[in-house]
Amino acid sequence: MPTPAEDAAIARGIAADPDAVSLPTEQIKRMRPAREVLEQVIGKEKADALVKRRGRPAKPAGERKVNQTLRIDPDVLEAYKATGSGWQTLMNDALRDYAKSHRMLPRR
């Protein structure tokens, strides 16, 4: 949370910005998400292209990776990072190979 002094500095910055506009509550209540109005303004094809989800499609819940904090020796981490892009996948594969070779994982 900003301190009162930081809050005052932010408010001064907003007041000095010629592009900052204060909107009445009534106008804010009438606003709609772009997804709802884009088609009417620019057409369906362009609207669909703008609101299309980017990136890879989500995996099913059972196949998603899990975020985990893991304490690793610095030299080991640097060795993996030094392999370049994909080092996390490489580390995951090494852990999977170890777990398989020690029969720690259920058979698929």
PDB file of N, CA and C in Angstrom:
ATOM      1  N   MET A   1       0.849  -1.181   0.000  1.00  0.00           N
ATOM      2  CA  MET A   1       0.000   0.000   0.000  1.00  0.00           C
ATOM      3  C   MET A   1       0.893   1.243   0.000  1.00  0.00           C
ATOM      4  N   PRO A   2       0.519   2.227  -0.803  1.00  0.00           N
ATOM      5  CA  PRO A   2       1.325   3.455  -0.819  1.00  0.00           C
ATOM      6  C   PRO A   2       1.166   4.239   0.483  1.00  0.00           C
ATOM      7  N   THR A   3       2.216   4.947   0.850  1.00  0.00           N
ATOM      8  CA  THR A   3       2.163   5.814   2.018  1.00  0.00           C
ATOM      9  C   THR A   3       1.322   7.043   1.658  1.00  0.00           C
ATOM     10  N   PRO A   4       0.872   7.816   2.635  1.00  0.00           N
ATOM     11  CA  PRO A   4       0.123   9.036   2.309  1.00  0.00           C
ATOM     12  C   PRO A   4       0.912   9.984   1.396  1.00  0.00           C
ATOM     13  N   ALA A   5       2.226  10.067   1.602  1.00  0.00           N
ATOM     14  CA  ALA A   5       3.055  10.941   0.751  1.00  0.00           C
ATOM     15  C   ALA A   5       3.083  10.418  -0.684  1.00  0.00           C
ATOM     16  N   GLU A   6       3.216   9.091  -0.840  1.00  0.00           N
ATOM     17  CA  GLU A   6       3.207   8.493  -2.184  1.00  0.00           C
ATOM     18  C   GLU A   6       1.844   8.682  -2.841  1.00  0.00           C
ATOM     19  N   ASP A   7       0.794   8.507  -2.058  1.00  0.00           N
ATOM     20  CA  ASP A   7      -0.570   8.706  -2.567  1.00  0.00           C
ATOM     21  C   ASP A   7      -0.749  10.138  -3.074  1.00  0.00           C
ATOM     22  N   ALA A   8      -0.250  11.101  -2.318  1.00  0.00           N
ATOM     23  CA  ALA A   8      -0.353  12.508  -2.714  1.00  0.00           C
ATOM     24  C   ALA A   8       0.441  12.754  -4.001  1.00  0.00           C
ATOM     25  N   ALA A   9       1.625  12.160  -4.119  1.00  0.00           N
ATOM     26  CA  ALA A   9       2.441  12.319  -5.329  1.00  0.00           C
ATOM     27  C   ALA A   9       1.738  11.718  -6.535  1.00  0.00           C
ATOM     28  N   ILE A  10       1.094  10.575  -6.346  1.00  0.00           N
ATOM     29  CA  ILE A  10       0.341   9.949  -7.435  1.00  0.00           C
ATOM     30  C   ILE A  10      -0.819  10.847  -7.850  1.00  0.00           C
ATOM     31  N   ALA A  11      -1.545  11.382  -6.873  1.00  0.00           N
ATOM     32  CA  ALA A  11      -2.676  12.267  -7.172  1.00  0.00           C
ATOM     33  C   ALA A  11      -2.218  13.517  -7.917  1.00  0.00           C
ATOM     34  N   ARG A  12      -1.066  14.077  -7.525  1.00  0.00           N
ATOM     35  CA  ARG A  12      -0.530  15.246  -8.232  1.00  0.00           C
ATOM     36  C   ARG A  12      -0.175  14.892  -9.677  1.00  0.00           C
ATOM     37  N   GLY A  13       0.395  13.725  -9.870  1.00  0.00           N
ATOM     38  CA  GLY A  13       0.745  13.277 -11.214  1.00  0.00           C
ATOM     39  C   GLY A  13      -0.486  13.119 -12.091  1.00  0.00           C
ATOM     40  N   ILE A  14      -1.542  12.574 -11.529  1.00  0.00           N
ATOM     41  CA  ILE A  14      -2.789  12.409 -12.275  1.00  0.00           C
ATOM     42  C   ILE A  14      -3.367  13.771 -12.628  1.00  0.00           C
ATOM     43  N   ALA A  15      -3.380  14.681 -11.657  1.00  0.00           N
ATOM     44  CA  ALA A  15      -3.927  16.023 -11.895  1.00  0.00           C
ATOM     45  C   ALA A  15      -3.133  16.767 -12.957  1.00  0.00           C
ATOM     46  N   ALA A  16      -1.834  16.526 -13.054  1.00  0.00           N
ATOM     47  CA  ALA A  16      -0.996  17.227 -14.025  1.00  0.00           C
ATOM     48  C   ALA A  16      -1.043  16.589 -15.414  1.00  0.00           C
ATOM     49  N   ASP A  17      -1.578  15.381 -15.520  1.00  0.00           N
ATOM     50  CA  ASP A  17      -1.620  14.668 -16.804  1.00  0.00           C
ATOM     51  C   ASP A  17      -2.782  15.187 -17.647  1.00  0.00           C
ATOM     52  N   PRO A  18      -2.490  15.810 -18.798  1.00  0.00           N
ATOM     53  CA  PRO A  18      -3.568  16.355 -19.626  1.00  0.00           C
ATOM     54  C   PRO A  18      -4.452  15.270 -20.241  1.00  0.00           C
ATOM     55  N   ASP A  19      -3.965  14.039 -20.304  1.00  0.00           N
ATOM     56  CA  ASP A  19      -4.763  12.956 -20.877  1.00  0.00           C
ATOM     57  C   ASP A  19      -5.641  12.246 -19.847  1.00  0.00           C
ATOM     58  N   ALA A  20      -5.430  12.529 -18.569  1.00  0.00           N
ATOM     59  CA  ALA A  20      -6.232  11.897 -17.529  1.00  0.00           C
ATOM     60  C   ALA A  20      -7.629  12.519 -17.523  1.00  0.00           C
ATOM     61  N   VAL A  21      -8.643  11.649 -17.507  1.00  0.00           N
ATOM     62  CA  VAL A  21     -10.020  12.119 -17.547  1.00  0.00           C
ATOM     63  C   VAL A  21     -10.774  11.522 -16.367  1.00  0.00           C
ATOM     64  N   SER A  22     -11.565  12.328 -15.732  1.00  0.00           N
ATOM     65  CA  SER A  22     -12.409  11.842 -14.651  1.00  0.00           C
ATOM     66  C   SER A  22     -13.770  11.509 -15.246  1.00  0.00           C
ATOM     67  N   LEU A  23     -14.225  10.285 -15.063  1.00  0.00           N
ATOM     68  CA  LEU A  23     -15.507   9.863 -15.633  1.00  0.00           C
ATOM     69  C   LEU A  23     -16.582   9.864 -14.565  1.00  0.00           C
ATOM     70  N   PRO A  24     -17.763  10.372 -14.928  1.00  0.00           N
ATOM     71  CA  PRO A  24     -18.881  10.325 -13.978  1.00  0.00           C
ATOM     72  C   PRO A  24     -19.311   8.876 -13.729  1.00  0.00           C
ATOM     73  N   THR A  25     -19.812   8.606 -12.549  1.00  0.00           N
ATOM     74  CA  THR A  25     -20.244   7.257 -12.175  1.00  0.00           C
ATOM     75  C   THR A  25     -21.265   6.715 -13.167  1.00  0.00           C
ATOM     76  N   GLU A  26     -22.180   7.553 -13.629  1.00  0.00           N
ATOM     77  CA  GLU A  26     -23.214   7.100 -14.578  1.00  0.00           C
ATOM     78  C   GLU A  26     -22.568   6.567 -15.859  1.00  0.00           C
ATOM     79  N   GLN A  27     -21.528   7.250 -16.335  1.00  0.00           N
ATOM     80  CA  GLN A  27     -20.853   6.822 -17.558  1.00  0.00           C
ATOM     81  C   GLN A  27     -20.125   5.492 -17.330  1.00  0.00           C
ATOM     82  N   ILE A  28     -19.515   5.352 -16.186  1.00  0.00           N
ATOM     83  CA  ILE A  28     -18.818   4.098 -15.869  1.00  0.00           C
ATOM     84  C   ILE A  28     -19.812   2.944 -15.823  1.00  0.00           C
ATOM     85  N   LYS A  29     -21.000   3.163 -15.262  1.00  0.00           N
ATOM     86  CA  LYS A  29     -22.017   2.116 -15.177  1.00  0.00           C
ATOM     87  C   LYS A  29     -22.508   1.690 -16.559  1.00  0.00           C
ATOM     88  N   ARG A  30     -22.477   2.590 -17.537  1.00  0.00           N
ATOM     89  CA  ARG A  30     -22.941   2.266 -18.893  1.00  0.00           C
ATOM     90  C   ARG A  30     -21.875   1.545 -19.711  1.00  0.00           C
ATOM     91  N   MET A  31     -20.642   1.544 -19.259  1.00  0.00           N
ATOM     92  CA  MET A  31     -19.557   0.913 -20.006  1.00  0.00           C
ATOM     93  C   MET A  31     -19.750  -0.601 -20.062  1.00  0.00           C
ATOM     94  N   ARG A  32     -19.290  -1.195 -21.168  1.00  0.00           N
ATOM     95  CA  ARG A  32     -19.375  -2.625 -21.379  1.00  0.00           C
ATOM     96  C   ARG A  32     -18.001  -3.153 -21.792  1.00  0.00           C
ATOM     97  N   PRO A  33     -17.729  -4.412 -21.515  1.00  0.00           N
ATOM     98  CA  PRO A  33     -16.454  -4.986 -21.944  1.00  0.00           C
ATOM     99  C   PRO A  33     -16.335  -4.937 -23.467  1.00  0.00           C
ATOM    100  N   ALA A  34     -15.121  -4.761 -23.951  1.00  0.00           N
ATOM    101  CA  ALA A  34     -14.878  -4.687 -25.392  1.00  0.00           C
ATOM    102  C   ALA A  34     -15.450  -5.907 -26.102  1.00  0.00           C
ATOM    103  N   ARG A  35     -15.345  -7.067 -25.486  1.00  0.00           N
ATOM    104  CA  ARG A  35     -15.853  -8.301 -26.086  1.00  0.00           C
ATOM    105  C   ARG A  35     -17.331  -8.173 -26.470  1.00  0.00           C
ATOM    106  N   GLU A  36     -18.093  -7.406 -25.702  1.00  0.00           N
ATOM    107  CA  GLU A  36     -19.530  -7.260 -25.963  1.00  0.00           C
ATOM    108  C   GLU A  36     -19.836  -6.298 -27.107  1.00  0.00           C
ATOM    109  N   VAL A  37     -18.965  -5.322 -27.363  1.00  0.00           N
ATOM    110  CA  VAL A  37     -19.305  -4.289 -28.347  1.00  0.00           C
ATOM    111  C   VAL A  37     -18.416  -4.249 -29.586  1.00  0.00           C
ATOM    112  N   LEU A  38     -17.289  -4.933 -29.556  1.00  0.00           N
ATOM    113  CA  LEU A  38     -16.361  -4.869 -30.687  1.00  0.00           C
ATOM    114  C   LEU A  38     -16.986  -5.308 -32.005  1.00  0.00           C
ATOM    115  N   GLU A  39     -17.753  -6.378 -31.981  1.00  0.00           N
ATOM    116  CA  GLU A  39     -18.355  -6.902 -33.215  1.00  0.00           C
ATOM    117  C   GLU A  39     -19.207  -5.847 -33.915  1.00  0.00           C
ATOM    118  N   GLN A  40     -19.947  -5.081 -33.136  1.00  0.00           N
ATOM    119  CA  GLN A  40     -20.796  -4.030 -33.716  1.00  0.00           C
ATOM    120  C   GLN A  40     -19.949  -2.900 -34.287  1.00  0.00           C
ATOM    121  N   VAL A  41     -18.795  -2.643 -33.702  1.00  0.00           N
ATOM    122  CA  VAL A  41     -17.974  -1.512 -34.099  1.00  0.00           C
ATOM    123  C   VAL A  41     -17.063  -1.841 -35.284  1.00  0.00           C
ATOM    124  N   ILE A  42     -16.399  -3.009 -35.243  1.00  0.00           N
ATOM    125  CA  ILE A  42     -15.406  -3.308 -36.286  1.00  0.00           C
ATOM    126  C   ILE A  42     -15.716  -4.561 -37.104  1.00  0.00           C
ATOM    127  N   GLY A  43     -16.807  -5.242 -36.801  1.00  0.00           N
ATOM    128  CA  GLY A  43     -17.164  -6.447 -37.540  1.00  0.00           C
ATOM    129  C   GLY A  43     -16.724  -7.706 -36.816  1.00  0.00           C
ATOM    130  N   LYS A  44     -17.437  -8.804 -37.107  1.00  0.00           N
ATOM    131  CA  LYS A  44     -17.215 -10.062 -36.396  1.00  0.00           C
ATOM    132  C   LYS A  44     -15.801 -10.615 -36.608  1.00  0.00           C
ATOM    133  N   GLU A  45     -15.320 -10.654 -37.843  1.00  0.00           N
ATOM    134  CA  GLU A  45     -14.028 -11.258 -38.146  1.00  0.00           C
ATOM    135  C   GLU A  45     -12.889 -10.553 -37.396  1.00  0.00           C
ATOM    136  N   LYS A  46     -12.874  -9.224 -37.453  1.00  0.00           N
ATOM    137  CA  LYS A  46     -11.814  -8.476 -36.771  1.00  0.00           C
ATOM    138  C   LYS A  46     -11.954  -8.582 -35.254  1.00  0.00           C
ATOM    139  N   ALA A  47     -13.198  -8.569 -34.768  1.00  0.00           N
ATOM    140  CA  ALA A  47     -13.428  -8.682 -33.326  1.00  0.00           C
ATOM    141  C   ALA A  47     -12.948 -10.036 -32.819  1.00  0.00           C
ATOM    142  N   ASP A  48     -13.263 -11.115 -33.561  1.00  0.00           N
ATOM    143  CA  ASP A  48     -12.825 -12.444 -33.157  1.00  0.00           C
ATOM    144  C   ASP A  48     -11.301 -12.528 -33.106  1.00  0.00           C
ATOM    145  N   ALA A  49     -10.634 -11.898 -34.077  1.00  0.00           N
ATOM    146  CA  ALA A  49      -9.171 -11.915 -34.106  1.00  0.00           C
ATOM    147  C   ALA A  49      -8.591 -11.168 -32.906  1.00  0.00           C
ATOM    148  N   LEU A  50      -9.235 -10.086 -32.491  1.00  0.00           N
ATOM    149  CA  LEU A  50      -8.721  -9.293 -31.364  1.00  0.00           C
ATOM    150  C   LEU A  50      -8.908  -9.986 -30.020  1.00  0.00           C
ATOM    151  N   VAL A  51     -10.007 -10.684 -29.841  1.00  0.00           N
ATOM    152  CA  VAL A  51     -10.291 -11.279 -28.531  1.00  0.00           C
ATOM    153  C   VAL A  51      -9.882 -12.748 -28.453  1.00  0.00           C
ATOM    154  N   LYS A  52      -9.289 -13.274 -29.520  1.00  0.00           N
ATOM    155  CA  LYS A  52      -8.843 -14.661 -29.540  1.00  0.00           C
ATOM    156  C   LYS A  52      -7.791 -14.888 -28.463  1.00  0.00           C
ATOM    157  N   ARG A  53      -7.932 -15.986 -27.734  1.00  0.00           N
ATOM    158  CA  ARG A  53      -6.943 -16.358 -26.715  1.00  0.00           C
ATOM    159  C   ARG A  53      -5.622 -16.656 -27.378  1.00  0.00           C
ATOM    160  N   ARG A  54      -4.566 -16.149 -26.822  1.00  0.00           N
ATOM    161  CA  ARG A  54      -3.233 -16.369 -27.350  1.00  0.00           C
ATOM    162  C   ARG A  54      -2.539 -17.503 -26.601  1.00  0.00           C
ATOM    163  N   GLY A  55      -1.503 -18.036 -27.195  1.00  0.00           N
ATOM    164  CA  GLY A  55      -0.697 -19.048 -26.525  1.00  0.00           C
ATOM    165  C   GLY A  55      -1.235 -20.448 -26.705  1.00  0.00           C
ATOM    166  N   ARG A  56      -0.662 -21.336 -25.964  1.00  0.00           N
ATOM    167  CA  ARG A  56      -1.043 -22.742 -26.040  1.00  0.00           C
ATOM    168  C   ARG A  56      -2.383 -22.951 -25.363  1.00  0.00           C
ATOM    169  N   PRO A  57      -3.170 -23.900 -25.861  1.00  0.00           N
ATOM    170  CA  PRO A  57      -4.420 -24.205 -25.159  1.00  0.00           C
ATOM    171  C   PRO A  57      -4.121 -24.844 -23.802  1.00  0.00           C
ATOM    172  N   ALA A  58      -5.000 -24.633 -22.858  1.00  0.00           N
ATOM    173  CA  ALA A  58      -4.798 -25.188 -21.514  1.00  0.00           C
ATOM    174  C   ALA A  58      -4.881 -26.708 -21.558  1.00  0.00           C
ATOM    175  N   LYS A  59      -4.017 -27.350 -20.788  1.00  0.00           N
ATOM    176  CA  LYS A  59      -4.049 -28.807 -20.694  1.00  0.00           C
ATOM    177  C   LYS A  59      -5.130 -29.213 -19.711  1.00  0.00           C
ATOM    178  N   PRO A  60      -5.620 -30.449 -19.819  1.00  0.00           N
ATOM    179  CA  PRO A  60      -6.574 -30.942 -18.819  1.00  0.00           C
ATOM    180  C   PRO A  60      -5.932 -30.906 -17.427  1.00  0.00           C
ATOM    181  N   ALA A  61      -6.740 -30.783 -16.401  1.00  0.00           N
ATOM    182  CA  ALA A  61      -6.244 -30.615 -15.032  1.00  0.00           C
ATOM    183  C   ALA A  61      -5.223 -31.680 -14.638  1.00  0.00           C
ATOM    184  N   GLY A  62      -5.405 -32.917 -15.038  1.00  0.00           N
ATOM    185  CA  GLY A  62      -4.497 -33.992 -14.653  1.00  0.00           C
ATOM    186  C   GLY A  62      -3.143 -33.940 -15.338  1.00  0.00           C
ATOM    187  N   GLU A  63      -3.019 -33.130 -16.394  1.00  0.00           N
ATOM    188  CA  GLU A  63      -1.769 -33.061 -17.148  1.00  0.00           C
ATOM    189  C   GLU A  63      -0.990 -31.770 -16.898  1.00  0.00           C
ATOM    190  N   ARG A  64      -1.535 -30.861 -16.120  1.00  0.00           N
ATOM    191  CA  ARG A  64      -0.882 -29.572 -15.886  1.00  0.00           C
ATOM    192  C   ARG A  64       0.297 -29.721 -14.943  1.00  0.00           C
ATOM    193  N   LYS A  65       1.287 -28.872 -15.149  1.00  0.00           N
ATOM    194  CA  LYS A  65       2.443 -28.831 -14.246  1.00  0.00           C
ATOM    195  C   LYS A  65       2.017 -28.173 -12.934  1.00  0.00           C
ATOM    196  N   VAL A  66       2.789 -28.412 -11.894  1.00  0.00           N
ATOM    197  CA  VAL A  66       2.502 -27.864 -10.570  1.00  0.00           C
ATOM    198  C   VAL A  66       3.635 -26.915 -10.189  1.00  0.00           C
ATOM    199  N   ASN A  67       3.288 -25.716  -9.735  1.00  0.00           N
ATOM    200  CA  ASN A  67       4.303 -24.798  -9.234  1.00  0.00           C
ATOM    201  C   ASN A  67       4.775 -25.295  -7.873  1.00  0.00           C
ATOM    202  N   GLN A  68       6.090 -25.323  -7.700  1.00  0.00           N
ATOM    203  CA  GLN A  68       6.651 -25.833  -6.454  1.00  0.00           C
ATOM    204  C   GLN A  68       7.940 -25.090  -6.144  1.00  0.00           C
ATOM    205  N   THR A  69       8.098 -24.686  -4.902  1.00  0.00           N
ATOM    206  CA  THR A  69       9.363 -24.097  -4.480  1.00  0.00           C
ATOM    207  C   THR A  69      10.298 -25.244  -4.141  1.00  0.00           C
ATOM    208  N   LEU A  70      11.500 -25.202  -4.697  1.00  0.00           N
ATOM    209  CA  LEU A  70      12.450 -26.288  -4.534  1.00  0.00           C
ATOM    210  C   LEU A  70      13.824 -25.698  -4.240  1.00  0.00           C
ATOM    211  N   ARG A  71      14.456 -26.165  -3.200  1.00  0.00           N
ATOM    212  CA  ARG A  71      15.792 -25.672  -2.851  1.00  0.00           C
ATOM    213  C   ARG A  71      16.824 -26.543  -3.554  1.00  0.00           C
ATOM    214  N   ILE A  72      17.649 -25.901  -4.378  1.00  0.00           N
ATOM    215  CA  ILE A  72      18.634 -26.604  -5.192  1.00  0.00           C
ATOM    216  C   ILE A  72      19.988 -25.938  -4.984  1.00  0.00           C
ATOM    217  N   ASP A  73      21.041 -26.731  -4.987  1.00  0.00           N
ATOM    218  CA  ASP A  73      22.382 -26.161  -4.886  1.00  0.00           C
ATOM    219  C   ASP A  73      22.616 -25.209  -6.057  1.00  0.00           C
ATOM    220  N   PRO A  74      23.240 -24.058  -5.787  1.00  0.00           N
ATOM    221  CA  PRO A  74      23.449 -23.062  -6.843  1.00  0.00           C
ATOM    222  C   PRO A  74      24.188 -23.596  -8.064  1.00  0.00           C
ATOM    223  N   ASP A  75      25.200 -24.457  -7.843  1.00  0.00           N
ATOM    224  CA  ASP A  75      25.961 -24.966  -8.987  1.00  0.00           C
ATOM    225  C   ASP A  75      25.111 -25.880  -9.871  1.00  0.00           C
ATOM    226  N   VAL A  76      24.215 -26.639  -9.253  1.00  0.00           N
ATOM    227  CA  VAL A  76      23.325 -27.511 -10.032  1.00  0.00           C
ATOM    228  C   VAL A  76      22.359 -26.656 -10.853  1.00  0.00           C
ATOM    229  N   LEU A  77      21.783 -25.655 -10.217  1.00  0.00           N
ATOM    230  CA  LEU A  77      20.855 -24.774 -10.930  1.00  0.00           C
ATOM    231  C   LEU A  77      21.552 -24.070 -12.089  1.00  0.00           C
ATOM    232  N   GLU A  78      22.733 -23.543 -11.851  1.00  0.00           N
ATOM    233  CA  GLU A  78      23.469 -22.848 -12.912  1.00  0.00           C
ATOM    234  C   GLU A  78      23.814 -23.793 -14.058  1.00  0.00           C
ATOM    235  N   ALA A  79      24.127 -25.050 -13.737  1.00  0.00           N
ATOM    236  CA  ALA A  79      24.450 -26.027 -14.781  1.00  0.00           C
ATOM    237  C   ALA A  79      23.242 -26.247 -15.696  1.00  0.00           C
ATOM    238  N   TYR A  80      22.066 -26.355 -15.109  1.00  0.00           N
ATOM    239  CA  TYR A  80      20.858 -26.532 -15.933  1.00  0.00           C
ATOM    240  C   TYR A  80      20.551 -25.265 -16.726  1.00  0.00           C
ATOM    241  N   LYS A  81      20.638 -24.112 -16.074  1.00  0.00           N
ATOM    242  CA  LYS A  81      20.353 -22.849 -16.771  1.00  0.00           C
ATOM    243  C   LYS A  81      21.326 -22.629 -17.927  1.00  0.00           C
ATOM    244  N   ALA A  82      22.551 -23.109 -17.773  1.00  0.00           N
ATOM    245  CA  ALA A  82      23.581 -22.927 -18.807  1.00  0.00           C
ATOM    246  C   ALA A  82      23.241 -23.696 -20.085  1.00  0.00           C
ATOM    247  N   THR A  83      22.310 -24.661 -19.982  1.00  0.00           N
ATOM    248  CA  THR A  83      21.926 -25.407 -21.182  1.00  0.00           C
ATOM    249  C   THR A  83      21.028 -24.577 -22.093  1.00  0.00           C
ATOM    250  N   GLY A  84      20.546 -23.440 -21.585  1.00  0.00           N
ATOM    251  CA  GLY A  84      19.736 -22.536 -22.404  1.00  0.00           C
ATOM    252  C   GLY A  84      18.247 -22.765 -22.233  1.00  0.00           C
ATOM    253  N   SER A  85      17.505 -22.272 -23.209  1.00  0.00           N
ATOM    254  CA  SER A  85      16.045 -22.365 -23.175  1.00  0.00           C
ATOM    255  C   SER A  85      15.623 -23.826 -23.021  1.00  0.00           C
ATOM    256  N   GLY A  86      14.644 -24.054 -22.164  1.00  0.00           N
ATOM    257  CA  GLY A  86      14.159 -25.412 -21.942  1.00  0.00           C
ATOM    258  C   GLY A  86      14.825 -26.111 -20.769  1.00  0.00           C
ATOM    259  N   TRP A  87      15.599 -25.372 -19.975  1.00  0.00           N
ATOM    260  CA  TRP A  87      16.322 -26.000 -18.867  1.00  0.00           C
ATOM    261  C   TRP A  87      15.378 -26.581 -17.828  1.00  0.00           C
ATOM    262  N   GLN A  88      14.209 -25.962 -17.640  1.00  0.00           N
ATOM    263  CA  GLN A  88      13.260 -26.491 -16.650  1.00  0.00           C
ATOM    264  C   GLN A  88      12.699 -27.835 -17.101  1.00  0.00           C
ATOM    265  N   THR A  89      12.420 -27.947 -18.398  1.00  0.00           N
ATOM    266  CA  THR A  89      11.936 -29.218 -18.944  1.00  0.00           C
ATOM    267  C   THR A  89      13.021 -30.281 -18.810  1.00  0.00           C
ATOM    268  N   LEU A  90      14.268 -29.899 -19.077  1.00  0.00           N
ATOM    269  CA  LEU A  90      15.387 -30.821 -18.945  1.00  0.00           C
ATOM    270  C   LEU A  90      15.503 -31.329 -17.508  1.00  0.00           C
ATOM    271  N   MET A  91      15.354 -30.421 -16.544  1.00  0.00           N
ATOM    272  CA  MET A  91      15.430 -30.804 -15.137  1.00  0.00           C
ATOM    273  C   MET A  91      14.252 -31.717 -14.775  1.00  0.00           C
ATOM    274  N   ASN A  92      13.061 -31.403 -15.274  1.00  0.00           N
ATOM    275  CA  ASN A  92      11.882 -32.232 -15.020  1.00  0.00           C
ATOM    276  C   ASN A  92      12.102 -33.639 -15.584  1.00  0.00           C
ATOM    277  N   ASP A  93      12.657 -33.716 -16.805  1.00  0.00           N
ATOM    278  CA  ASP A  93      12.906 -35.019 -17.431  1.00  0.00           C
ATOM    279  C   ASP A  93      13.922 -35.834 -16.632  1.00  0.00           C
ATOM    280  N   ALA A  94      14.960 -35.167 -16.102  1.00  0.00           N
ATOM    281  CA  ALA A  94      15.962 -35.866 -15.293  1.00  0.00           C
ATOM    282  C   ALA A  94      15.329 -36.413 -14.011  1.00  0.00           C
ATOM    283  N   LEU A  95      14.473 -35.629 -13.385  1.00  0.00           N
ATOM    284  CA  LEU A  95      13.788 -36.091 -12.170  1.00  0.00           C
ATOM    285  C   LEU A  95      12.844 -37.243 -12.494  1.00  0.00           C
ATOM    286  N   ARG A  96      12.164 -37.157 -13.637  1.00  0.00           N
ATOM    287  CA  ARG A  96      11.247 -38.229 -14.051  1.00  0.00           C
ATOM    288  C   ARG A  96      12.033 -39.520 -14.303  1.00  0.00           C
ATOM    289  N   ASP A  97      13.163 -39.426 -15.007  1.00  0.00           N
ATOM    290  CA  ASP A  97      13.984 -40.605 -15.291  1.00  0.00           C
ATOM    291  C   ASP A  97      14.445 -41.263 -13.989  1.00  0.00           C
ATOM    292  N   TYR A  98      14.890 -40.437 -13.040  1.00  0.00           N
ATOM    293  CA  TYR A  98      15.331 -40.966 -11.753  1.00  0.00           C
ATOM    294  C   TYR A  98      14.165 -41.668 -11.046  1.00  0.00           C
ATOM    295  N   ALA A  99      13.012 -41.010 -11.004  1.00  0.00           N
ATOM    296  CA  ALA A  99      11.847 -41.589 -10.316  1.00  0.00           C
ATOM    297  C   ALA A  99      11.419 -42.901 -10.971  1.00  0.00           C
ATOM    298  N   LYS A 100      11.473 -42.963 -12.301  1.00  0.00           N
ATOM    299  CA  LYS A 100      11.124 -44.214 -13.005  1.00  0.00           C
ATOM    300  C   LYS A 100      12.130 -45.313 -12.689  1.00  0.00           C
ATOM    301  N   SER A 101      13.418 -44.970 -12.759  1.00  0.00           N
ATOM    302  CA  SER A 101      14.461 -46.000 -12.542  1.00  0.00           C
ATOM    303  C   SER A 101      14.441 -46.522 -11.112  1.00  0.00           C
ATOM    304  N   HIS A 102      13.902 -45.777 -10.183  1.00  0.00           N
ATOM    305  CA  HIS A 102      13.813 -46.199  -8.795  1.00  0.00           C
ATOM    306  C   HIS A 102      12.391 -46.636  -8.413  1.00  0.00           C
ATOM    307  N   ARG A 103      11.576 -46.848  -9.446  1.00  0.00           N
ATOM    308  CA  ARG A 103      10.192 -47.341  -9.285  1.00  0.00           C
ATOM    309  C   ARG A 103       9.386 -46.482  -8.305  1.00  0.00           C
ATOM    310  N   MET A 104       9.574 -45.170  -8.404  1.00  0.00           N
ATOM    311  CA  MET A 104       8.854 -44.244  -7.533  1.00  0.00           C
ATOM    312  C   MET A 104       7.549 -43.782  -8.158  1.00  0.00           C
ATOM    313  N   LEU A 105       7.390 -43.996  -9.467  1.00  0.00           N
ATOM    314  CA  LEU A 105       6.199 -43.556 -10.183  1.00  0.00           C
ATOM    315  C   LEU A 105       5.321 -44.741 -10.519  1.00  0.00           C
ATOM    316  N   PRO A 106       3.995 -44.544 -10.522  1.00  0.00           N
ATOM    317  CA  PRO A 106       3.117 -45.640 -10.955  1.00  0.00           C
ATOM    318  C   PRO A 106       3.324 -45.895 -12.451  1.00  0.00           C
ATOM    319  N   ARG A 107       3.104 -47.109 -12.866  1.00  0.00           N
ATOM    320  CA  ARG A 107       3.240 -47.447 -14.299  1.00  0.00           C
ATOM    321  C   ARG A 107       2.068 -46.843 -15.054  1.00  0.00           C
ATOM    322  N   ARG A 108       2.380 -46.326 -16.240  1.00  0.00           N
ATOM    323  CA  ARG A 108       1.325 -45.756 -17.092  1.00  0.00           C
ATOM    324  C   ARG A 108       0.982 -46.704 -18.189  1.00  0.00           C
TER     325      ARG A 108
END
